[in-house]
Amino acid sequence: MNSGKPAVRFIDTTYRDGAQSLWAGGMRSGMIEAVAEDMDRAGFEAIEVPVGGNRMKKSLRDLREDPWELARMVARRMPNTRKSCMAGGFIIPFEAAAPREVIELYHARLVELRALNRVQVTCNTLGQVERTFPWVIPMFRRLGLQVVVALSYTLSPRHDDAYYAQKVRQVLPFAPDGIYLKDQGGLLTIDRARTLLPVLVQNAGGLPVELHSHCTTGLAPLVYLEALKAGVHRLHTAVPPLANGSSQPSVLNVAENARLMGYSPQVDLAVLRPVVEQLTAIAKRERLPIGAPLEYDYAQYLYQVPGGVISNLRHQLGEMRLLDRFDEVLEETVQVRKDFGYPIMITPHSQFVVTQAAINVVTGERYKHVIDEFILFAQGAYGEDSGYTWMDQNLKDRLLATPRARELKEIASRQEREVTLKEVRASLGGPGVSDEEFLLRFMMKGTHEIETMRAAGPPPQYFNTGLPLLILLQELGKHRQVRYVHVRRGDDTLLVQNQGFA
């Protein structure tokens, strides 16, 4: 079918956002390696790889794997496809700010390893356009990275089409390579897409426009097809079993529907089907969730609380024996978000809102106790979303008049001087420590976790489906009660005896 409609290109999220959404970031390097070569041949415009600082920290601390070896592996196994990660004026987002020299050293090392050649930077959650873009985008350019700017999507009285049009125009002077709408809550509807997406395309000055959404409300696969009609021809998708659920739409489903609509999907589904089989086998073997379509849930539009934050709230209330007040806390988030001027419900704002809502409910009095982050919010510490005209003025005045507000302001003034790379190196082993080791020590705040990771030994391997005999031998070794396996195919026979039989 060829109607002359444009090509559709796909940015794969399987390894990063898919794994984060469905497997809590627990995708091991061996799982990635098992399908990496096929992923590289599939024709993706880019593949998100787990080399951002927060994912590296997860790999080292929780999976006990060397994240630099992970970076080397994705560079080696996927040499032909652009590799991307979320980035900005940080190494690990929302932790203590890293010196700019350290941030540049970190990304430079990834570029040297050929593990990174595209970054995705968010522009409208922490005042990035004014605060970090003037230095961080030139830094990425010096490193030869493609830069794509994300606008986080939300629902509120102030986040209308005009707001997003203005944001697009604000980032154009930085000459990005593309712009995309980041619908982290999966809140975009078909009707909203019909008005908003054309606005983005019209204001993008000819730059490619992408769409990134989640299947949280079940609407994302349909919204993606509407996006094609609006001129958005780059879509963020995942490969099953790491698609659907709270992850991105399945590339198989979206590509086939796009083809039926007359578009030309630039991805080889035949190459990806063995990837689906292998990842599904891994998921079943490791008892990991398999993404499935979710039922429509209108509560998502009322509370806009991300799934990860909701699960953490349930856990914390359960530990406090207050799980019966879960619904009260969710309802309180609506008022808290309104009082603070409708911050976008994405990290860290979503955590702030939910934490404050829980405190309000537990204490029985709204804002009897206020977390430090919201006092900083009132002081404008979080950029455009904080302390501005949409925040309740009486609440703002009340918070700014507290003794704690004065203390936090004094602390911030003492921290204004930026520490140099030389000073940080001196505190973490000096010039004799390699760049990679230094950066790990910086991320982990010392050497203890690094030593624990190395003591854990080599990470597990997950061989691809081209090695069935090796997999058979490995599985046979786990079952000492099995004496032998006899395989027959036509006139060919194979007898495998278990030396560990007891």
Protein backbone atom coordinates (compact mmCIF):
# COMPACT_ATOMS: atom_id res chain seq x y z
CA MET A 1 0.00 0.00 0.00
CA ASN A 2 1.53 3.28 -1.08
CA SER A 3 -0.47 6.47 -1.02
CA GLY A 4 2.49 8.82 -1.03
CA LYS A 5 2.14 9.56 2.69
CA PRO A 6 5.33 10.26 4.68
CA ALA A 7 7.60 7.71 6.28
CA VAL A 8 7.08 7.00 9.96
CA ARG A 9 10.18 6.64 12.12
CA PHE A 10 10.40 5.05 15.55
CA ILE A 11 12.40 5.86 18.67
CA ASP A 12 12.66 2.68 20.72
CA THR A 13 12.20 2.88 24.50
CA THR A 14 12.41 -0.84 25.39
CA TYR A 15 15.69 -0.75 27.30
CA ARG A 16 15.06 2.45 29.22
CA ASP A 17 11.48 3.66 29.69
CA GLY A 18 9.89 0.31 28.92
CA ALA A 19 12.10 -1.41 31.48
CA GLN A 20 11.59 1.43 33.96
CA SER A 21 7.81 1.39 33.56
CA LEU A 22 7.30 -2.39 33.77
CA TRP A 23 10.41 -3.90 35.37
CA ALA A 24 11.34 -1.05 37.75
CA GLY A 25 14.54 -0.53 35.76
CA GLY A 26 15.59 -4.11 36.48
CA MET A 27 16.64 -5.02 32.95
CA ARG A 28 20.07 -6.59 33.23
CA SER A 29 22.87 -6.01 30.75
CA GLY A 30 22.69 -9.66 29.68
CA MET A 31 19.03 -9.24 28.75
CA ILE A 32 19.89 -6.21 26.64
CA GLU A 33 22.82 -7.97 25.00
CA ALA A 34 20.72 -11.02 24.09
CA VAL A 35 18.67 -8.99 21.59
CA ALA A 36 20.92 -5.99 20.91
CA GLU A 37 22.18 -7.06 17.48
CA ASP A 38 18.65 -7.66 16.19
CA MET A 39 17.53 -4.32 17.64
CA ASP A 40 20.41 -2.67 15.80
CA ARG A 41 19.23 -4.17 12.50
CA ALA A 42 15.57 -3.22 12.93
CA GLY A 43 15.88 0.30 11.51
CA PHE A 44 15.00 2.44 14.52
CA GLU A 45 15.62 6.18 14.25
CA ALA A 46 17.15 5.94 17.73
CA ILE A 47 17.20 3.54 20.68
CA GLU A 48 17.04 4.78 24.25
CA VAL A 49 19.90 3.13 26.13
CA PRO A 50 20.21 2.90 29.95
CA VAL A 51 23.31 5.06 30.33
CA GLY A 52 21.78 8.05 32.11
CA GLY A 53 23.16 8.63 35.58
CA ASN A 54 20.09 7.39 37.46
CA ARG A 55 20.05 4.17 35.41
CA MET A 56 23.80 3.71 35.92
CA LYS A 57 23.29 4.09 39.65
CA LYS A 58 20.49 1.51 39.55
CA SER A 59 22.69 -0.90 37.60
CA LEU A 60 25.53 -0.64 40.10
CA ARG A 61 23.60 -0.48 43.37
CA ASP A 62 20.68 -2.86 42.75
CA LEU A 63 21.79 -5.14 39.91
CA ARG A 64 25.46 -5.28 41.00
CA GLU A 65 26.66 -4.72 37.43
CA ASP A 66 29.36 -2.38 36.13
CA PRO A 67 27.51 0.38 34.24
CA TRP A 68 30.57 1.27 32.18
CA GLU A 69 30.68 -2.30 30.89
CA LEU A 70 27.00 -1.89 30.01
CA ALA A 71 27.89 1.25 28.05
CA ARG A 72 30.67 -0.61 26.19
CA MET A 73 28.32 -3.44 25.37
CA VAL A 74 25.59 -1.30 23.81
CA ALA A 75 28.24 0.52 21.77
CA ARG A 76 29.70 -2.77 20.57
CA ARG A 77 26.42 -4.57 19.88
CA MET A 78 24.52 -1.64 18.33
CA PRO A 79 27.06 0.31 16.25
CA ASN A 80 24.65 1.33 13.50
CA THR A 81 21.78 2.91 15.45
CA ARG A 82 21.71 6.28 17.18
CA LYS A 83 21.79 5.77 20.95
CA SER A 84 19.87 8.19 23.15
CA CYS A 85 19.24 9.01 26.82
CA MET A 86 17.52 11.62 28.96
CA ALA A 87 20.00 14.31 29.97
CA GLY A 88 20.32 17.90 31.18
CA GLY A 89 22.27 20.00 33.63
CA PHE A 90 22.84 17.00 35.87
CA ILE A 91 24.28 13.52 36.10
CA ILE A 92 21.58 12.10 38.38
CA PRO A 93 18.41 14.22 38.21
CA PHE A 94 17.01 15.74 41.39
CA GLU A 95 20.05 14.93 43.50
CA ALA A 96 22.54 17.55 44.62
CA ALA A 97 23.72 19.54 41.62
CA ALA A 98 26.95 18.31 40.04
CA PRO A 99 29.64 20.79 38.93
CA ARG A 100 29.43 21.58 35.24
CA GLU A 101 32.91 20.19 34.62
CA VAL A 102 31.86 16.85 36.08
CA ILE A 103 28.67 16.79 33.99
CA GLU A 104 30.69 17.41 30.82
CA LEU A 105 33.26 14.77 31.76
CA TYR A 106 30.47 12.23 32.27
CA HIS A 107 28.85 12.78 28.89
CA ALA A 108 32.21 13.07 27.15
CA ARG A 109 33.14 9.62 28.41
CA LEU A 110 29.91 8.13 27.04
CA VAL A 111 30.59 9.79 23.68
CA GLU A 112 34.16 8.46 23.64
CA LEU A 113 32.82 4.96 24.22
CA ARG A 114 30.31 5.48 21.36
CA ALA A 115 27.51 4.62 23.78
CA LEU A 116 25.71 7.94 23.28
CA ASN A 117 25.09 10.25 20.34
CA ARG A 118 21.67 11.76 21.10
CA VAL A 119 20.27 13.41 24.23
CA GLN A 120 16.68 14.24 25.15
CA VAL A 121 16.40 17.34 27.34
CA THR A 122 13.23 18.56 29.05
CA CYS A 123 12.49 22.29 28.82
CA ASN A 124 9.43 23.11 30.95
CA THR A 125 9.60 21.51 34.39
CA LEU A 126 12.42 23.29 36.25
CA GLY A 127 12.95 26.51 34.31
CA GLN A 128 15.50 24.84 32.05
CA VAL A 129 15.22 27.36 29.20
CA GLU A 130 16.48 30.17 31.44
CA ARG A 131 18.64 28.20 33.87
CA THR A 132 20.47 25.38 32.11
CA PHE A 133 19.90 25.56 28.34
CA PRO A 134 22.30 28.50 27.82
CA TRP A 135 25.25 26.32 28.94
CA VAL A 136 24.13 22.72 28.68
CA ILE A 137 23.03 22.71 25.03
CA PRO A 138 26.33 24.29 23.82
CA MET A 139 28.12 21.65 25.91
CA PHE A 140 26.21 18.84 24.20
CA ARG A 141 26.96 20.42 20.83
CA ARG A 142 30.69 20.49 21.59
CA LEU A 143 30.49 16.78 22.26
CA GLY A 144 28.84 16.16 18.90
CA LEU A 145 25.50 15.06 20.32
CA GLN A 146 22.14 15.38 18.62
CA VAL A 147 19.82 17.38 20.91
CA VAL A 148 16.06 16.79 21.03
CA VAL A 149 13.94 18.95 23.36
CA ALA A 150 10.99 17.53 25.29
CA LEU A 151 7.94 19.46 26.48
CA SER A 152 6.22 17.70 29.38
CA TYR A 153 2.47 17.46 28.91
CA THR A 154 -0.06 18.02 31.65
CA LEU A 155 -3.64 19.13 32.22
CA SER A 156 -4.34 22.36 34.08
CA PRO A 157 -5.99 25.76 33.50
CA ARG A 158 -2.64 27.28 32.53
CA HIS A 159 -1.20 24.54 30.28
CA ASP A 160 -3.23 25.31 27.18
CA ASP A 161 -2.27 25.28 23.48
CA ALA A 162 -0.91 28.82 23.74
CA TYR A 163 1.42 27.75 26.55
CA TYR A 164 2.92 24.95 24.46
CA ALA A 165 3.19 27.14 21.37
CA GLN A 166 5.14 29.69 23.40
CA LYS A 167 7.43 26.98 24.79
CA VAL A 168 8.25 25.71 21.31
CA ARG A 169 9.14 29.22 20.19
CA GLN A 170 11.33 29.71 23.28
CA VAL A 171 13.51 26.70 22.46
CA LEU A 172 13.97 27.41 18.75
CA PRO A 173 16.87 29.86 19.31
CA PHE A 174 18.84 26.95 20.82
CA ALA A 175 18.64 25.21 17.42
CA PRO A 176 17.59 21.74 18.60
CA ASP A 177 17.49 18.82 16.17
CA GLY A 178 13.90 18.02 17.07
CA ILE A 179 11.07 18.63 19.54
CA TYR A 180 8.76 16.16 21.18
CA LEU A 181 5.76 16.11 23.46
CA LYS A 182 6.48 14.00 26.55
CA ASP A 183 3.16 12.69 27.83
CA GLN A 184 4.59 10.94 30.89
CA GLY A 185 1.14 10.34 32.40
CA GLY A 186 -0.51 8.98 29.27
CA LEU A 187 -3.11 11.76 29.57
CA LEU A 188 -3.33 12.84 25.94
CA THR A 189 -6.71 12.15 24.35
CA ILE A 190 -7.62 12.07 20.68
CA ASP A 191 -9.59 15.32 20.95
CA ARG A 192 -6.71 17.09 22.71
CA ALA A 193 -4.21 15.71 20.21
CA ARG A 194 -6.24 17.20 17.35
CA THR A 195 -5.76 20.72 18.72
CA LEU A 196 -2.35 20.54 20.40
CA LEU A 197 -0.19 18.54 18.01
CA PRO A 198 -0.85 20.78 14.97
CA VAL A 199 0.15 23.75 17.16
CA LEU A 200 3.49 22.09 17.91
CA VAL A 201 4.10 21.28 14.24
CA GLN A 202 3.17 24.80 13.11
CA ASN A 203 5.49 26.46 15.62
CA ALA A 204 8.43 24.06 15.24
CA GLY A 205 9.93 25.92 12.28
CA GLY A 206 10.25 22.78 10.19
CA LEU A 207 11.95 20.72 12.90
CA PRO A 208 10.85 17.08 13.25
CA VAL A 209 8.20 16.67 15.95
CA GLU A 210 7.99 13.46 18.00
CA LEU A 211 5.43 12.03 20.41
CA HIS A 212 6.19 10.09 23.58
CA SER A 213 3.26 8.73 25.58
CA HIS A 214 2.37 5.92 27.97
CA CYS A 215 -0.49 3.43 27.77
CA THR A 216 -1.65 4.24 31.32
CA THR A 217 -5.17 5.20 30.22
CA GLY A 218 -5.29 2.82 27.26
CA LEU A 219 -5.52 5.66 24.72
CA ALA A 220 -1.91 6.05 23.56
CA PRO A 221 -2.07 3.63 20.56
CA LEU A 222 -5.06 5.57 19.16
CA VAL A 223 -3.47 8.94 19.95
CA TYR A 224 -0.35 7.89 18.00
CA LEU A 225 -2.44 7.30 14.89
CA GLU A 226 -4.05 10.72 15.32
CA ALA A 227 -0.55 12.18 15.65
CA LEU A 228 0.34 10.87 12.20
CA LYS A 229 -2.58 12.82 10.72
CA ALA A 230 -1.33 15.96 12.52
CA GLY A 231 2.11 15.72 10.93
CA VAL A 232 3.95 14.00 13.80
CA HIS A 233 5.88 11.21 12.10
CA ARG A 234 8.33 10.16 14.81
CA LEU A 235 6.84 8.00 17.53
CA HIS A 236 8.29 6.56 20.76
CA THR A 237 7.39 2.88 21.04
CA ALA A 238 8.59 -0.26 22.82
CA VAL A 239 8.98 -3.91 21.89
CA PRO A 240 6.75 -6.42 23.71
CA PRO A 241 6.79 -7.66 26.42
CA LEU A 242 8.10 -4.23 27.51
CA ALA A 243 5.31 -2.38 25.70
CA ASN A 244 1.75 -1.55 26.85
CA GLY A 245 0.74 -1.48 30.51
CA SER A 246 2.35 1.65 31.92
CA SER A 247 4.94 1.63 29.11
CA GLN A 248 4.80 2.92 25.53
CA PRO A 249 2.64 1.46 22.74
CA SER A 250 3.91 -1.63 20.95
CA VAL A 251 5.98 -0.89 17.85
CA LEU A 252 4.41 -3.93 16.18
CA ASN A 253 0.89 -2.60 16.66
CA VAL A 254 1.63 1.02 15.77
CA ALA A 255 3.72 0.16 12.71
CA GLU A 256 1.10 -2.20 11.30
CA ASN A 257 -1.71 0.31 11.87
CA ALA A 258 0.38 3.05 10.27
CA ARG A 259 0.95 0.82 7.24
CA LEU A 260 -2.77 0.16 6.91
CA MET A 261 -3.35 3.93 6.99
CA GLY A 262 -1.03 4.33 4.02
CA TYR A 263 2.14 5.41 5.82
CA SER A 264 5.54 3.79 5.37
CA PRO A 265 6.84 2.57 8.76
CA GLN A 266 10.64 2.57 8.74
CA VAL A 267 11.14 -0.49 10.93
CA ASP A 268 11.62 -4.17 10.09
CA LEU A 269 9.02 -6.12 12.04
CA ALA A 270 10.39 -9.44 10.81
CA VAL A 271 13.68 -8.67 12.55
CA LEU A 272 11.83 -7.71 15.75
CA ARG A 273 9.68 -10.83 16.12
CA PRO A 274 12.59 -12.95 17.43
CA VAL A 275 13.31 -10.09 19.86
CA VAL A 276 9.74 -10.38 21.17
CA GLU A 277 10.15 -14.14 21.58
CA GLN A 278 13.47 -13.84 23.38
CA LEU A 279 12.40 -11.05 25.75
CA THR A 280 9.15 -12.88 26.51
CA ALA A 281 11.10 -16.04 27.33
CA ILE A 282 13.36 -14.00 29.64
CA ALA A 283 10.36 -12.39 31.33
CA LYS A 284 8.77 -15.78 32.01
CA ARG A 285 12.04 -17.29 33.20
CA GLU A 286 12.72 -14.40 35.60
CA ARG A 287 9.03 -13.97 36.54
CA LEU A 288 8.97 -10.38 35.32
CA PRO A 289 5.76 -8.58 34.27
CA ILE A 290 4.61 -8.83 30.67
CA GLY A 291 3.01 -5.62 29.43
CA ALA A 292 -0.69 -5.84 28.56
CA PRO A 293 -3.31 -3.24 27.58
CA LEU A 294 -4.92 -1.49 30.53
CA GLU A 295 -8.56 -0.60 31.08
CA TYR A 296 -9.52 3.06 30.82
CA ASP A 297 -9.17 4.74 34.21
CA TYR A 298 -10.70 8.20 34.57
CA ALA A 299 -8.93 8.63 37.93
CA GLN A 300 -5.73 9.28 35.99
CA TYR A 301 -7.21 12.55 34.75
CA LEU A 302 -8.35 13.63 38.21
CA TYR A 303 -5.13 13.00 40.12
CA GLN A 304 -2.42 12.81 37.41
CA VAL A 305 -0.17 10.93 39.84
CA PRO A 306 2.38 8.72 38.02
CA GLY A 307 2.08 4.98 38.60
CA GLY A 308 5.45 4.69 40.34
CA VAL A 309 4.50 7.40 42.82
CA ILE A 310 1.15 5.74 43.50
CA SER A 311 2.78 2.38 44.24
CA ASN A 312 5.26 4.05 46.59
CA LEU A 313 2.40 5.87 48.36
CA ARG A 314 0.56 2.58 48.89
CA HIS A 315 3.69 1.02 50.35
CA GLN A 316 4.39 3.91 52.74
CA LEU A 317 0.79 4.17 53.96
CA GLY A 318 0.77 0.41 54.46
CA GLU A 319 3.87 0.59 56.65
CA MET A 320 2.17 3.32 58.71
CA ARG A 321 -1.05 1.25 58.92
CA LEU A 322 -2.91 4.01 57.12
CA LEU A 323 -3.71 2.27 53.85
CA ASP A 324 -7.43 2.86 54.49
CA ARG A 325 -6.76 6.59 53.90
CA PHE A 326 -5.22 6.08 50.47
CA ASP A 327 -8.22 7.54 48.62
CA GLU A 328 -8.24 10.59 50.93
CA VAL A 329 -4.61 11.30 50.07
CA LEU A 330 -5.26 11.02 46.34
CA GLU A 331 -8.20 13.42 46.62
CA GLU A 332 -6.04 15.85 48.62
CA THR A 333 -3.41 15.90 45.84
CA VAL A 334 -5.90 17.77 43.65
CA GLN A 335 -6.13 20.66 46.13
CA VAL A 336 -2.40 20.72 46.88
CA ARG A 337 -1.54 20.90 43.19
CA LYS A 338 -4.02 23.73 42.69
CA ASP A 339 -2.68 25.68 45.70
CA PHE A 340 0.87 25.50 44.36
CA GLY A 341 -0.07 26.69 40.88
CA TYR A 342 -0.51 23.41 38.95
CA PRO A 343 3.07 22.13 38.71
CA ILE A 344 3.51 19.42 36.09
CA MET A 345 3.06 16.03 37.75
CA ILE A 346 6.49 14.67 36.95
CA THR A 347 9.51 14.01 39.16
CA PRO A 348 10.17 15.81 41.48
CA HIS A 349 6.91 17.77 41.56
CA SER A 350 4.66 14.70 41.69
CA GLN A 351 6.53 13.41 44.75
CA PHE A 352 6.26 16.81 46.44
CA VAL A 353 2.52 17.02 45.86
CA VAL A 354 1.78 13.50 47.07
CA THR A 355 4.00 13.84 50.16
CA GLN A 356 2.36 17.11 51.18
CA ALA A 357 -1.10 15.69 50.55
CA ALA A 358 -0.33 12.73 52.80
CA ILE A 359 0.92 15.04 55.56
CA ASN A 360 -2.24 17.16 55.29
CA VAL A 361 -4.43 14.08 55.66
CA VAL A 362 -2.48 12.49 58.51
CA THR A 363 -2.20 15.70 60.56
CA GLY A 364 -5.82 16.61 59.91
CA GLU A 365 -4.92 20.20 59.04
CA ARG A 366 -3.92 21.54 55.65
CA TYR A 367 -0.31 22.86 55.68
CA LYS A 368 0.12 22.55 59.44
CA HIS A 369 3.50 21.09 58.50
CA VAL A 370 5.03 21.90 55.10
CA ILE A 371 7.92 20.02 53.53
CA ASP A 372 11.10 21.98 52.82
CA GLU A 373 10.73 21.39 49.09
CA PHE A 374 7.50 23.37 49.00
CA ILE A 375 9.05 26.22 50.96
CA LEU A 376 11.79 26.27 48.33
CA PHE A 377 9.03 26.07 45.73
CA ALA A 378 7.51 29.26 47.13
CA GLN A 379 10.97 30.89 46.96
CA GLY A 380 11.20 30.10 43.24
CA ALA A 381 13.89 27.43 43.59
CA TYR A 382 12.31 25.21 40.94
CA GLY A 383 12.08 27.71 38.13
CA GLU A 384 9.04 28.72 36.16
CA ASP A 385 6.68 26.32 37.94
CA SER A 386 7.41 27.65 41.41
CA GLY A 387 6.42 30.79 43.27
CA TYR A 388 4.76 32.44 40.30
CA THR A 389 1.37 34.07 39.83
CA TRP A 390 -0.59 30.83 39.72
CA MET A 391 0.43 29.85 43.25
CA ASP A 392 -2.06 30.78 45.98
CA GLN A 393 -0.70 34.14 47.18
CA ASN A 394 -1.83 33.79 50.80
CA LEU A 395 -0.12 30.40 51.09
CA LYS A 396 3.00 31.76 49.43
CA ASP A 397 3.20 34.71 51.84
CA ARG A 398 2.66 32.41 54.80
CA LEU A 399 5.47 30.04 53.78
CA LEU A 400 7.94 32.81 52.98
CA ALA A 401 7.39 34.32 56.44
CA THR A 402 8.39 31.16 58.33
CA PRO A 403 11.72 30.81 60.17
CA ARG A 404 12.45 27.72 58.08
CA ALA A 405 12.22 29.79 54.90
CA ARG A 406 14.96 32.08 56.20
CA GLU A 407 17.13 29.07 57.13
CA LEU A 408 16.76 27.51 53.68
CA LYS A 409 17.61 30.81 52.02
CA GLU A 410 20.81 31.08 54.08
CA ILE A 411 21.78 27.49 53.21
CA ALA A 412 21.26 28.20 49.51
CA SER A 413 23.41 31.34 49.65
CA ARG A 414 26.29 29.36 51.22
CA GLN A 415 26.13 26.81 48.40
CA GLU A 416 26.31 29.29 45.52
CA ARG A 417 30.01 28.77 44.75
CA GLU A 418 30.48 25.91 42.33
CA VAL A 419 33.11 23.34 43.32
CA THR A 420 35.74 22.68 40.66
CA LEU A 421 36.49 19.33 39.04
CA LYS A 422 39.95 19.38 40.66
CA GLU A 423 38.42 19.81 44.12
CA VAL A 424 35.93 16.99 43.60
CA ARG A 425 38.67 14.68 42.27
CA ALA A 426 40.82 15.42 45.31
CA SER A 427 38.00 14.31 47.60
CA LEU A 428 37.49 11.03 45.68
CA GLY A 429 40.98 9.66 45.24
CA GLY A 430 42.94 12.32 43.39
CA PRO A 431 44.34 12.47 39.85
CA GLY A 432 45.47 8.81 39.89
CA VAL A 433 41.86 7.58 39.69
CA SER A 434 40.54 6.90 36.16
CA ASP A 435 37.69 9.01 34.82
CA GLU A 436 35.29 6.08 34.93
CA GLU A 437 36.17 5.17 38.50
CA PHE A 438 36.01 8.79 39.59
CA LEU A 439 32.55 9.23 38.06
CA LEU A 440 31.29 6.07 39.74
CA ARG A 441 32.61 7.30 43.09
CA PHE A 442 30.94 10.66 42.52
CA MET A 443 27.58 9.06 41.70
CA MET A 444 27.73 6.58 44.58
CA LYS A 445 29.24 9.06 47.08
CA GLY A 446 32.19 6.80 47.85
CA THR A 447 33.56 3.34 47.10
CA HIS A 448 31.51 0.97 49.28
CA GLU A 449 28.78 0.20 46.70
CA ILE A 450 31.39 -0.10 43.94
CA GLU A 451 33.38 -2.66 45.91
CA THR A 452 30.17 -4.60 46.67
CA MET A 453 29.29 -4.63 42.96
CA ARG A 454 32.71 -5.97 41.98
CA ALA A 455 32.60 -8.62 44.69
CA ALA A 456 29.32 -9.90 43.24
CA GLY A 457 31.15 -11.38 40.25
CA PRO A 458 30.21 -11.37 36.55
CA PRO A 459 26.59 -10.59 35.63
CA PRO A 460 24.30 -13.36 34.35
CA GLN A 461 24.07 -13.97 30.62
CA TYR A 462 20.87 -14.52 28.66
CA PHE A 463 21.82 -16.27 25.45
CA ASN A 464 19.81 -15.56 22.34
CA THR A 465 17.58 -18.09 20.62
CA GLY A 466 20.39 -19.00 18.22
CA LEU A 467 22.01 -21.06 21.02
CA PRO A 468 19.31 -23.57 22.04
CA LEU A 469 21.77 -26.37 22.82
CA LEU A 470 23.72 -24.18 25.23
CA ILE A 471 20.49 -23.18 26.97
CA LEU A 472 19.50 -26.85 27.19
CA LEU A 473 22.81 -27.74 28.82
CA GLN A 474 22.49 -24.89 31.31
CA GLU A 475 18.96 -25.89 32.29
CA LEU A 476 19.92 -29.56 32.56
CA GLY A 477 22.63 -28.64 35.06
CA LYS A 478 20.00 -27.10 37.34
CA HIS A 479 18.01 -30.35 37.66
CA ARG A 480 20.15 -33.04 39.26
CA GLN A 481 17.30 -35.54 39.25
CA VAL A 482 17.20 -35.67 35.42
CA ARG A 483 19.55 -38.40 34.15
CA TYR A 484 19.56 -37.53 30.45
CA VAL A 485 17.70 -35.82 27.60
CA HIS A 486 17.21 -37.65 24.31
CA VAL A 487 16.38 -35.43 21.31
CA ARG A 488 15.31 -36.89 17.93
CA ARG A 489 14.75 -34.97 14.70
CA GLY A 490 14.19 -37.17 11.68
CA ASP A 491 17.13 -39.55 11.44
CA ASP A 492 19.28 -37.36 13.72
CA THR A 493 19.48 -38.09 17.43
CA LEU A 494 21.21 -36.41 20.33
CA LEU A 495 21.75 -37.85 23.80
CA VAL A 496 22.74 -35.40 26.56
CA GLN A 497 23.72 -37.02 29.87
CA ASN A 498 23.64 -35.14 33.16
CA GLN A 499 27.01 -35.60 34.91
CA GLY A 500 25.51 -34.14 38.07
CA PHE A 501 22.88 -36.89 38.34
CA ALA A 502 22.61 -38.19 41.90
